[in-house]
Amino acid sequence: MFSFFSSAGTDLVTDRLVLRIWPRDEVDAVLRDARCAHWADDFPAEGDRVIAGLFGEYPEWLGEYGHRQIIERDSGLVVGSLGLFWPPSDGTVEIGYGVVASRRGRGYAPEATRALTEFALTAADVHTVYAKVEPSNPPSVRVLEKAGFRWVSSEEGTSRFRVTAPYPALP
């Protein structure tokens, strides 16, 4: 489904996407409410702004196992972001994702989620990747199901989904 690829060895490349670690200058652009020419018109979304604001507190999120921009290979535009809330705890790490409204419904979120999850499971100290989602958000639940995650539990208005190594094959 995807391969690890880049001149720096840090980009993840799928059939239609490149998952690139957030460049520091683009984090700064988000924080200044500036625009970059290679961003989709509706990027960054609110969730991207929240994550960019947390990088100062969690600098490890800008590392290899941290947060990434989702880039359409065809257009070269940044269309969302996703990331691992590093470091893992007891072998588990949380994943989060978001695709801008103009690119939803194309399967980008499950494709990116699956690639980053598979990559996360290559880390020696990770055996489980999980996500929390509000049951009132069926599209996000469907993203996780399409990416191979399975429901584990529900509590306090959120459902928890997970994948445990070895990563299950898609149906």
N, C-alpha and C. Protein backbone atom coordinates (compact mmCIF):
# COMPACT_ATOMS: atom_id res chain seq x y z
N MET A 1 0.82 -1.19 0.00
CA MET A 1 0.00 0.00 0.00
C MET A 1 0.86 1.26 0.00
N PHE A 2 1.93 1.25 0.79
CA PHE A 2 2.76 2.44 0.82
C PHE A 2 4.21 2.01 0.94
N SER A 3 5.07 2.97 0.71
CA SER A 3 6.49 2.71 0.89
C SER A 3 7.10 3.87 1.64
N PHE A 4 8.19 3.59 2.33
CA PHE A 4 8.94 4.65 2.99
C PHE A 4 9.83 5.24 1.93
N PHE A 5 9.81 6.55 1.77
CA PHE A 5 10.55 7.14 0.66
C PHE A 5 10.77 8.62 0.89
N SER A 6 11.93 9.06 0.64
CA SER A 6 12.27 10.47 0.47
C SER A 6 13.78 10.57 0.49
N SER A 7 14.26 11.71 0.08
CA SER A 7 15.71 11.89 0.10
C SER A 7 16.21 11.87 1.54
N ALA A 8 15.38 12.32 2.47
CA ALA A 8 15.77 12.30 3.88
C ALA A 8 15.35 11.00 4.54
N GLY A 9 14.56 10.17 3.84
CA GLY A 9 14.12 8.90 4.40
C GLY A 9 12.98 9.04 5.39
N THR A 10 12.32 10.19 5.41
CA THR A 10 11.28 10.40 6.42
C THR A 10 9.87 10.51 5.87
N ASP A 11 9.71 10.77 4.58
CA ASP A 11 8.37 10.85 4.00
C ASP A 11 7.79 9.44 3.87
N LEU A 12 6.49 9.35 4.06
CA LEU A 12 5.77 8.12 3.77
C LEU A 12 4.97 8.40 2.51
N VAL A 13 5.05 7.49 1.55
CA VAL A 13 4.39 7.70 0.27
C VAL A 13 3.40 6.56 0.04
N THR A 14 2.16 6.94 -0.26
CA THR A 14 1.12 5.98 -0.60
C THR A 14 0.82 6.13 -2.09
N ASP A 15 -0.19 5.43 -2.55
CA ASP A 15 -0.57 5.53 -3.96
C ASP A 15 -0.89 6.97 -4.37
N ARG A 16 -1.56 7.71 -3.48
CA ARG A 16 -2.02 9.05 -3.85
C ARG A 16 -1.50 10.18 -2.97
N LEU A 17 -0.78 9.83 -1.91
CA LEU A 17 -0.41 10.83 -0.91
C LEU A 17 1.07 10.76 -0.53
N VAL A 18 1.56 11.89 -0.03
CA VAL A 18 2.85 11.95 0.64
C VAL A 18 2.56 12.44 2.05
N LEU A 19 3.10 11.75 3.04
CA LEU A 19 2.95 12.15 4.43
C LEU A 19 4.30 12.69 4.88
N ARG A 20 4.37 14.01 5.02
CA ARG A 20 5.63 14.70 5.29
C ARG A 20 5.61 15.31 6.69
N ILE A 21 6.69 15.13 7.42
CA ILE A 21 6.82 15.78 8.72
C ILE A 21 6.63 17.27 8.54
N TRP A 22 5.88 17.89 9.44
CA TRP A 22 5.61 19.33 9.35
C TRP A 22 6.92 20.10 9.33
N PRO A 23 7.18 20.89 8.30
CA PRO A 23 8.36 21.77 8.32
C PRO A 23 8.13 22.89 9.34
N ARG A 24 9.18 23.24 10.07
CA ARG A 24 9.08 24.26 11.11
C ARG A 24 8.53 25.59 10.57
N ASP A 25 8.98 25.97 9.36
CA ASP A 25 8.51 27.25 8.81
C ASP A 25 7.01 27.23 8.51
N GLU A 26 6.46 26.06 8.21
CA GLU A 26 5.03 25.97 7.96
C GLU A 26 4.22 25.95 9.26
N VAL A 27 4.80 25.39 10.31
CA VAL A 27 4.18 25.50 11.63
C VAL A 27 4.08 26.98 12.00
N ASP A 28 5.19 27.71 11.81
CA ASP A 28 5.21 29.13 12.11
C ASP A 28 4.19 29.90 11.26
N ALA A 29 4.04 29.51 10.00
CA ALA A 29 3.05 30.17 9.13
C ALA A 29 1.64 29.96 9.67
N VAL A 30 1.33 28.75 10.12
CA VAL A 30 0.01 28.49 10.69
C VAL A 30 -0.20 29.36 11.93
N LEU A 31 0.82 29.43 12.78
CA LEU A 31 0.69 30.21 14.02
C LEU A 31 0.55 31.71 13.75
N ARG A 32 1.12 32.18 12.64
CA ARG A 32 1.00 33.60 12.26
C ARG A 32 -0.25 33.86 11.42
N ASP A 33 -1.00 32.80 11.12
CA ASP A 33 -2.17 32.89 10.25
C ASP A 33 -1.77 33.35 8.85
N ALA A 34 -0.59 32.90 8.41
CA ALA A 34 -0.10 33.18 7.05
C ALA A 34 -0.50 32.02 6.14
N ARG A 35 -0.31 32.19 4.85
CA ARG A 35 -0.65 31.15 3.87
C ARG A 35 0.58 30.75 3.07
N CYS A 36 0.63 29.50 2.71
CA CYS A 36 1.67 29.00 1.80
C CYS A 36 1.00 28.65 0.48
N ALA A 37 1.69 28.88 -0.61
CA ALA A 37 1.12 28.66 -1.94
C ALA A 37 0.76 27.20 -2.20
N HIS A 38 1.44 26.27 -1.54
CA HIS A 38 1.19 24.85 -1.80
C HIS A 38 0.20 24.23 -0.80
N TRP A 39 -0.62 25.05 -0.18
CA TRP A 39 -1.68 24.57 0.68
C TRP A 39 -3.01 24.65 -0.07
N ALA A 40 -3.87 23.65 0.14
CA ALA A 40 -5.24 23.75 -0.38
C ALA A 40 -5.87 25.01 0.19
N ASP A 41 -6.83 25.57 -0.53
CA ASP A 41 -7.45 26.83 -0.11
C ASP A 41 -8.01 26.78 1.31
N ASP A 42 -8.48 25.61 1.76
CA ASP A 42 -9.08 25.51 3.09
C ASP A 42 -8.15 24.88 4.13
N PHE A 43 -6.86 24.80 3.82
CA PHE A 43 -5.86 24.36 4.80
C PHE A 43 -5.18 25.60 5.37
N PRO A 44 -4.93 25.67 6.65
CA PRO A 44 -5.19 24.68 7.69
C PRO A 44 -6.61 24.77 8.22
N ALA A 45 -7.12 23.62 8.63
CA ALA A 45 -8.41 23.56 9.30
C ALA A 45 -8.18 23.86 10.79
N GLU A 46 -9.24 23.97 11.54
CA GLU A 46 -9.12 24.29 12.97
C GLU A 46 -8.25 23.28 13.71
N GLY A 47 -8.42 21.99 13.43
CA GLY A 47 -7.61 20.97 14.10
C GLY A 47 -6.13 21.13 13.82
N ASP A 48 -5.79 21.54 12.59
CA ASP A 48 -4.38 21.77 12.23
C ASP A 48 -3.81 22.93 13.05
N ARG A 49 -4.62 23.95 13.25
CA ARG A 49 -4.18 25.11 14.04
C ARG A 49 -3.94 24.71 15.50
N VAL A 50 -4.82 23.87 16.03
CA VAL A 50 -4.66 23.41 17.41
C VAL A 50 -3.36 22.63 17.55
N ILE A 51 -3.12 21.69 16.65
CA ILE A 51 -1.89 20.88 16.71
C ILE A 51 -0.66 21.77 16.56
N ALA A 52 -0.66 22.69 15.60
CA ALA A 52 0.49 23.58 15.41
C ALA A 52 0.78 24.36 16.69
N GLY A 53 -0.25 24.74 17.41
CA GLY A 53 -0.07 25.48 18.65
C GLY A 53 0.52 24.64 19.77
N LEU A 54 0.45 23.32 19.65
CA LEU A 54 0.97 22.43 20.68
C LEU A 54 2.41 21.97 20.43
N PHE A 55 2.95 22.23 19.24
CA PHE A 55 4.30 21.76 18.92
C PHE A 55 5.35 22.32 19.88
N GLY A 56 5.16 23.53 20.38
CA GLY A 56 6.11 24.10 21.33
C GLY A 56 6.16 23.31 22.63
N GLU A 57 5.01 22.81 23.05
CA GLU A 57 4.91 22.02 24.27
C GLU A 57 5.36 20.57 24.06
N TYR A 58 5.16 20.08 22.84
CA TYR A 58 5.49 18.69 22.51
C TYR A 58 6.40 18.64 21.27
N PRO A 59 7.66 19.03 21.40
CA PRO A 59 8.55 19.09 20.23
C PRO A 59 8.77 17.73 19.56
N GLU A 60 8.60 16.64 20.30
CA GLU A 60 8.76 15.31 19.71
C GLU A 60 7.70 15.03 18.64
N TRP A 61 6.61 15.81 18.65
CA TRP A 61 5.59 15.64 17.62
C TRP A 61 6.08 16.09 16.26
N LEU A 62 7.20 16.79 16.20
CA LEU A 62 7.78 17.20 14.92
C LEU A 62 8.86 16.21 14.45
N GLY A 63 8.96 15.08 15.12
CA GLY A 63 9.94 14.07 14.77
C GLY A 63 9.38 13.02 13.83
N GLU A 64 10.19 12.02 13.56
CA GLU A 64 9.85 10.97 12.62
C GLU A 64 8.53 10.27 12.96
N TYR A 65 8.27 10.07 14.25
CA TYR A 65 7.04 9.40 14.67
C TYR A 65 6.00 10.39 15.19
N GLY A 66 6.05 11.61 14.71
CA GLY A 66 5.12 12.63 15.17
C GLY A 66 4.03 12.93 14.17
N HIS A 67 3.82 14.21 13.93
CA HIS A 67 2.73 14.68 13.07
C HIS A 67 3.24 15.00 11.66
N ARG A 68 2.35 14.78 10.71
CA ARG A 68 2.70 14.95 9.30
C ARG A 68 1.60 15.68 8.55
N GLN A 69 2.02 16.34 7.50
CA GLN A 69 1.07 16.93 6.58
C GLN A 69 0.66 15.86 5.58
N ILE A 70 -0.58 15.93 5.13
CA ILE A 70 -1.08 15.05 4.08
C ILE A 70 -1.03 15.84 2.78
N ILE A 71 -0.27 15.36 1.82
CA ILE A 71 -0.06 16.06 0.56
C ILE A 71 -0.58 15.20 -0.59
N GLU A 72 -1.44 15.78 -1.42
CA GLU A 72 -1.89 15.10 -2.63
C GLU A 72 -0.71 14.97 -3.58
N ARG A 73 -0.42 13.78 -4.04
CA ARG A 73 0.70 13.61 -4.98
C ARG A 73 0.41 14.29 -6.31
N ASP A 74 -0.83 14.22 -6.80
CA ASP A 74 -1.17 14.80 -8.10
C ASP A 74 -1.01 16.32 -8.13
N SER A 75 -1.48 16.98 -7.09
CA SER A 75 -1.47 18.45 -7.10
C SER A 75 -0.30 19.05 -6.33
N GLY A 76 0.28 18.29 -5.39
CA GLY A 76 1.33 18.82 -4.53
C GLY A 76 0.80 19.69 -3.41
N LEU A 77 -0.53 19.73 -3.23
CA LEU A 77 -1.13 20.58 -2.20
C LEU A 77 -1.26 19.85 -0.86
N VAL A 78 -1.04 20.58 0.22
CA VAL A 78 -1.29 20.07 1.57
C VAL A 78 -2.80 20.10 1.78
N VAL A 79 -3.38 18.93 2.10
CA VAL A 79 -4.83 18.82 2.20
C VAL A 79 -5.30 18.34 3.58
N GLY A 80 -4.37 18.25 4.51
CA GLY A 80 -4.74 17.83 5.86
C GLY A 80 -3.50 17.48 6.65
N SER A 81 -3.74 16.89 7.81
CA SER A 81 -2.63 16.44 8.63
C SER A 81 -3.08 15.27 9.48
N LEU A 82 -2.09 14.54 9.95
CA LEU A 82 -2.35 13.45 10.88
C LEU A 82 -1.11 13.26 11.70
N GLY A 83 -1.25 12.54 12.78
CA GLY A 83 -0.07 12.36 13.59
C GLY A 83 -0.24 11.39 14.72
N LEU A 84 0.90 11.02 15.26
CA LEU A 84 0.98 10.16 16.43
C LEU A 84 1.27 11.05 17.63
N PHE A 85 0.57 10.81 18.71
CA PHE A 85 0.79 11.59 19.93
C PHE A 85 1.89 10.89 20.73
N TRP A 86 3.12 11.14 20.27
CA TRP A 86 4.33 10.49 20.75
C TRP A 86 4.75 11.11 22.06
N PRO A 87 5.36 10.41 22.96
CA PRO A 87 5.84 9.03 22.89
C PRO A 87 4.76 8.02 23.29
N PRO A 88 5.00 6.76 22.96
CA PRO A 88 4.05 5.72 23.34
C PRO A 88 4.06 5.49 24.85
N SER A 89 2.99 4.91 25.34
CA SER A 89 2.87 4.56 26.75
C SER A 89 2.48 3.08 26.82
N ASP A 90 3.29 2.30 27.47
CA ASP A 90 3.03 0.86 27.60
C ASP A 90 2.78 0.20 26.24
N GLY A 91 3.53 0.62 25.23
CA GLY A 91 3.43 0.01 23.92
C GLY A 91 2.30 0.53 23.05
N THR A 92 1.56 1.53 23.53
CA THR A 92 0.45 2.07 22.74
C THR A 92 0.68 3.54 22.43
N VAL A 93 0.19 3.95 21.27
CA VAL A 93 0.29 5.35 20.86
C VAL A 93 -1.02 5.73 20.18
N GLU A 94 -1.44 6.97 20.41
CA GLU A 94 -2.68 7.46 19.82
C GLU A 94 -2.40 8.13 18.48
N ILE A 95 -3.35 7.99 17.56
CA ILE A 95 -3.28 8.63 16.25
C ILE A 95 -4.48 9.57 16.10
N GLY A 96 -4.26 10.67 15.39
CA GLY A 96 -5.33 11.59 15.05
C GLY A 96 -5.16 12.02 13.61
N TYR A 97 -6.23 12.48 12.97
CA TYR A 97 -6.18 12.81 11.55
C TYR A 97 -7.25 13.83 11.21
N GLY A 98 -7.03 14.50 10.10
CA GLY A 98 -8.02 15.42 9.58
C GLY A 98 -7.70 15.79 8.14
N VAL A 99 -8.71 15.83 7.31
CA VAL A 99 -8.58 16.22 5.91
C VAL A 99 -9.50 17.42 5.71
N VAL A 100 -9.04 18.42 4.98
CA VAL A 100 -9.86 19.62 4.76
C VAL A 100 -11.14 19.27 4.01
N ALA A 101 -12.16 20.07 4.22
CA ALA A 101 -13.48 19.80 3.66
C ALA A 101 -13.46 19.61 2.15
N SER A 102 -12.64 20.37 1.45
CA SER A 102 -12.62 20.28 -0.02
C SER A 102 -12.08 18.95 -0.54
N ARG A 103 -11.44 18.15 0.32
CA ARG A 103 -10.86 16.88 -0.12
C ARG A 103 -11.49 15.67 0.56
N ARG A 104 -12.52 15.89 1.36
CA ARG A 104 -13.17 14.76 2.03
C ARG A 104 -13.94 13.92 1.03
N GLY A 105 -14.14 12.67 1.39
CA GLY A 105 -14.90 11.76 0.54
C GLY A 105 -14.06 11.10 -0.54
N ARG A 106 -12.76 11.32 -0.53
CA ARG A 106 -11.87 10.73 -1.54
C ARG A 106 -11.07 9.55 -1.00
N GLY A 107 -11.26 9.23 0.26
CA GLY A 107 -10.52 8.12 0.87
C GLY A 107 -9.13 8.48 1.35
N TYR A 108 -8.82 9.78 1.39
CA TYR A 108 -7.48 10.19 1.83
C TYR A 108 -7.23 9.88 3.30
N ALA A 109 -8.22 10.12 4.16
CA ALA A 109 -8.02 9.91 5.59
C ALA A 109 -7.72 8.45 5.92
N PRO A 110 -8.49 7.47 5.40
CA PRO A 110 -8.13 6.08 5.70
C PRO A 110 -6.78 5.68 5.09
N GLU A 111 -6.48 6.18 3.91
CA GLU A 111 -5.20 5.85 3.26
C GLU A 111 -4.03 6.36 4.10
N ALA A 112 -4.13 7.60 4.54
CA ALA A 112 -3.07 8.19 5.36
C ALA A 112 -2.99 7.53 6.73
N THR A 113 -4.14 7.27 7.33
CA THR A 113 -4.17 6.65 8.66
C THR A 113 -3.55 5.26 8.62
N ARG A 114 -3.87 4.52 7.60
CA ARG A 114 -3.31 3.16 7.48
C ARG A 114 -1.79 3.23 7.31
N ALA A 115 -1.30 4.14 6.48
CA ALA A 115 0.14 4.24 6.25
C ALA A 115 0.88 4.64 7.52
N LEU A 116 0.37 5.64 8.24
CA LEU A 116 1.07 6.08 9.45
C LEU A 116 0.97 5.02 10.54
N THR A 117 -0.14 4.32 10.61
CA THR A 117 -0.29 3.25 11.60
C THR A 117 0.70 2.13 11.32
N GLU A 118 0.79 1.73 10.07
CA GLU A 118 1.74 0.68 9.70
C GLU A 118 3.17 1.11 10.05
N PHE A 119 3.49 2.37 9.78
CA PHE A 119 4.80 2.89 10.12
C PHE A 119 5.02 2.89 11.63
N ALA A 120 4.02 3.31 12.40
CA ALA A 120 4.14 3.35 13.86
C ALA A 120 4.43 1.97 14.43
N LEU A 121 3.84 0.95 13.84
CA LEU A 121 4.03 -0.40 14.33
C LEU A 121 5.42 -0.95 14.01
N THR A 122 6.23 -0.21 13.25
CA THR A 122 7.62 -0.61 13.02
C THR A 122 8.52 -0.16 14.17
N ALA A 123 8.04 0.73 15.02
CA ALA A 123 8.83 1.19 16.17
C ALA A 123 8.91 0.05 17.19
N ALA A 124 10.09 -0.16 17.71
CA ALA A 124 10.31 -1.27 18.63
C ALA A 124 9.42 -1.22 19.87
N ASP A 125 9.06 -0.02 20.30
CA ASP A 125 8.29 0.12 21.54
C ASP A 125 6.79 0.34 21.31
N VAL A 126 6.29 -0.01 20.11
CA VAL A 126 4.86 0.15 19.81
C VAL A 126 4.29 -1.18 19.32
N HIS A 127 3.22 -1.62 19.98
CA HIS A 127 2.49 -2.80 19.51
C HIS A 127 1.02 -2.50 19.24
N THR A 128 0.56 -1.30 19.66
CA THR A 128 -0.84 -0.94 19.47
C THR A 128 -0.96 0.54 19.11
N VAL A 129 -1.79 0.83 18.11
CA VAL A 129 -2.14 2.20 17.75
C VAL A 129 -3.64 2.32 17.98
N TYR A 130 -4.04 3.40 18.65
CA TYR A 130 -5.46 3.57 18.94
C TYR A 130 -5.91 4.98 18.57
N ALA A 131 -7.22 5.12 18.46
CA ALA A 131 -7.83 6.42 18.18
C ALA A 131 -9.11 6.53 18.99
N LYS A 132 -9.41 7.74 19.41
CA LYS A 132 -10.66 8.02 20.10
C LYS A 132 -11.52 8.87 19.17
N VAL A 133 -12.79 8.56 19.10
CA VAL A 133 -13.70 9.28 18.22
C VAL A 133 -15.07 9.37 18.88
N GLU A 134 -15.75 10.46 18.62
CA GLU A 134 -17.12 10.61 19.12
C GLU A 134 -18.05 9.78 18.24
N PRO A 135 -18.89 8.95 18.84
CA PRO A 135 -19.82 8.15 18.05
C PRO A 135 -20.75 9.01 17.19
N SER A 136 -20.91 10.27 17.56
CA SER A 136 -21.75 11.19 16.78
C SER A 136 -21.03 11.66 15.52
N ASN A 137 -19.83 11.15 15.26
CA ASN A 137 -19.06 11.50 14.07
C ASN A 137 -18.86 10.25 13.20
N PRO A 138 -19.94 9.77 12.54
CA PRO A 138 -19.85 8.55 11.75
C PRO A 138 -18.77 8.56 10.67
N PRO A 139 -18.50 9.71 9.99
CA PRO A 139 -17.42 9.67 8.99
C PRO A 139 -16.06 9.31 9.60
N SER A 140 -15.78 9.78 10.81
CA SER A 140 -14.52 9.46 11.45
C SER A 140 -14.47 7.99 11.87
N VAL A 141 -15.59 7.47 12.33
CA VAL A 141 -15.67 6.05 12.66
C VAL A 141 -15.38 5.23 11.40
N ARG A 142 -15.95 5.64 10.29
CA ARG A 142 -15.75 4.91 9.02
C ARG A 142 -14.30 4.98 8.56
N VAL A 143 -13.62 6.12 8.77
CA VAL A 143 -12.19 6.23 8.45
C VAL A 143 -11.42 5.13 9.18
N LEU A 144 -11.68 5.00 10.47
CA LEU A 144 -10.96 4.00 11.25
C LEU A 144 -11.27 2.58 10.79
N GLU A 145 -12.54 2.31 10.52
CA GLU A 145 -12.90 0.98 10.03
C GLU A 145 -12.22 0.67 8.71
N LYS A 146 -12.20 1.63 7.79
CA LYS A 146 -11.55 1.43 6.50
C LYS A 146 -10.04 1.23 6.64
N ALA A 147 -9.47 1.83 7.69
CA ALA A 147 -8.03 1.70 7.92
C ALA A 147 -7.68 0.43 8.69
N GLY A 148 -8.69 -0.39 9.00
CA GLY A 148 -8.43 -1.66 9.67
C GLY A 148 -8.53 -1.63 11.18
N PHE A 149 -8.95 -0.51 11.76
CA PHE A 149 -9.11 -0.42 13.20
C PHE A 149 -10.41 -1.12 13.61
N ARG A 150 -10.42 -1.61 14.84
CA ARG A 150 -11.60 -2.27 15.38
C ARG A 150 -12.02 -1.58 16.68
N TRP A 151 -13.34 -1.51 16.87
CA TRP A 151 -13.89 -0.92 18.09
C TRP A 151 -13.44 -1.73 19.29
N VAL A 152 -13.07 -1.03 20.39
CA VAL A 152 -12.64 -1.68 21.62
C VAL A 152 -13.60 -1.37 22.76
N SER A 153 -13.93 -0.09 22.93
CA SER A 153 -14.77 0.30 24.07
C SER A 153 -15.37 1.68 23.84
N SER A 154 -16.36 2.00 24.67
CA SER A 154 -16.95 3.34 24.66
C SER A 154 -17.09 3.80 26.10
N GLU A 155 -16.77 5.07 26.31
CA GLU A 155 -16.96 5.67 27.63
C GLU A 155 -16.92 7.18 27.50
N GLU A 156 -17.70 7.84 28.33
CA GLU A 156 -17.73 9.29 28.40
C GLU A 156 -17.84 9.97 27.03
N GLY A 157 -18.72 9.46 26.18
CA GLY A 157 -18.98 10.11 24.90
C GLY A 157 -17.95 9.87 23.81
N THR A 158 -17.01 8.95 24.03
CA THR A 158 -16.04 8.62 22.98
C THR A 158 -15.95 7.10 22.83
N SER A 159 -15.68 6.69 21.62
CA SER A 159 -15.41 5.29 21.35
C SER A 159 -13.92 5.15 21.07
N ARG A 160 -13.38 4.05 21.47
CA ARG A 160 -11.96 3.79 21.27
C ARG A 160 -11.81 2.64 20.27
N PHE A 161 -10.97 2.87 19.27
CA PHE A 161 -10.67 1.89 18.24
C PHE A 161 -9.18 1.60 18.30
N ARG A 162 -8.77 0.42 17.85
CA ARG A 162 -7.33 0.13 17.87
C ARG A 162 -6.95 -0.89 16.81
N VAL A 163 -5.65 -0.91 16.57
CA VAL A 163 -4.99 -1.93 15.76
C VAL A 163 -3.82 -2.42 16.59
N THR A 164 -3.64 -3.72 16.62
CA THR A 164 -2.51 -4.30 17.34
C THR A 164 -1.67 -5.09 16.34
N ALA A 165 -0.35 -5.00 16.48
CA ALA A 165 0.55 -5.71 15.59
C ALA A 165 0.32 -7.21 15.76
N PRO A 166 0.43 -7.98 14.68
CA PRO A 166 0.70 -7.53 13.32
C PRO A 166 -0.54 -6.87 12.71
N TYR A 167 -0.28 -5.89 11.85
CA TYR A 167 -1.36 -5.12 11.23
C TYR A 167 -2.21 -6.05 10.38
N PRO A 168 -3.54 -5.99 10.57
CA PRO A 168 -4.41 -6.87 9.77
C PRO A 168 -4.44 -6.46 8.30
N ALA A 169 -4.54 -7.46 7.46
CA ALA A 169 -4.69 -7.17 6.02
C ALA A 169 -6.07 -6.61 5.76
N LEU A 170 -6.16 -5.76 4.77
CA LEU A 170 -7.47 -5.22 4.39
C LEU A 170 -8.28 -6.30 3.71
N PRO A 171 -9.62 -6.25 3.90
CA PRO A 171 -10.49 -7.26 3.25
C PRO A 171 -10.47 -7.12 1.74
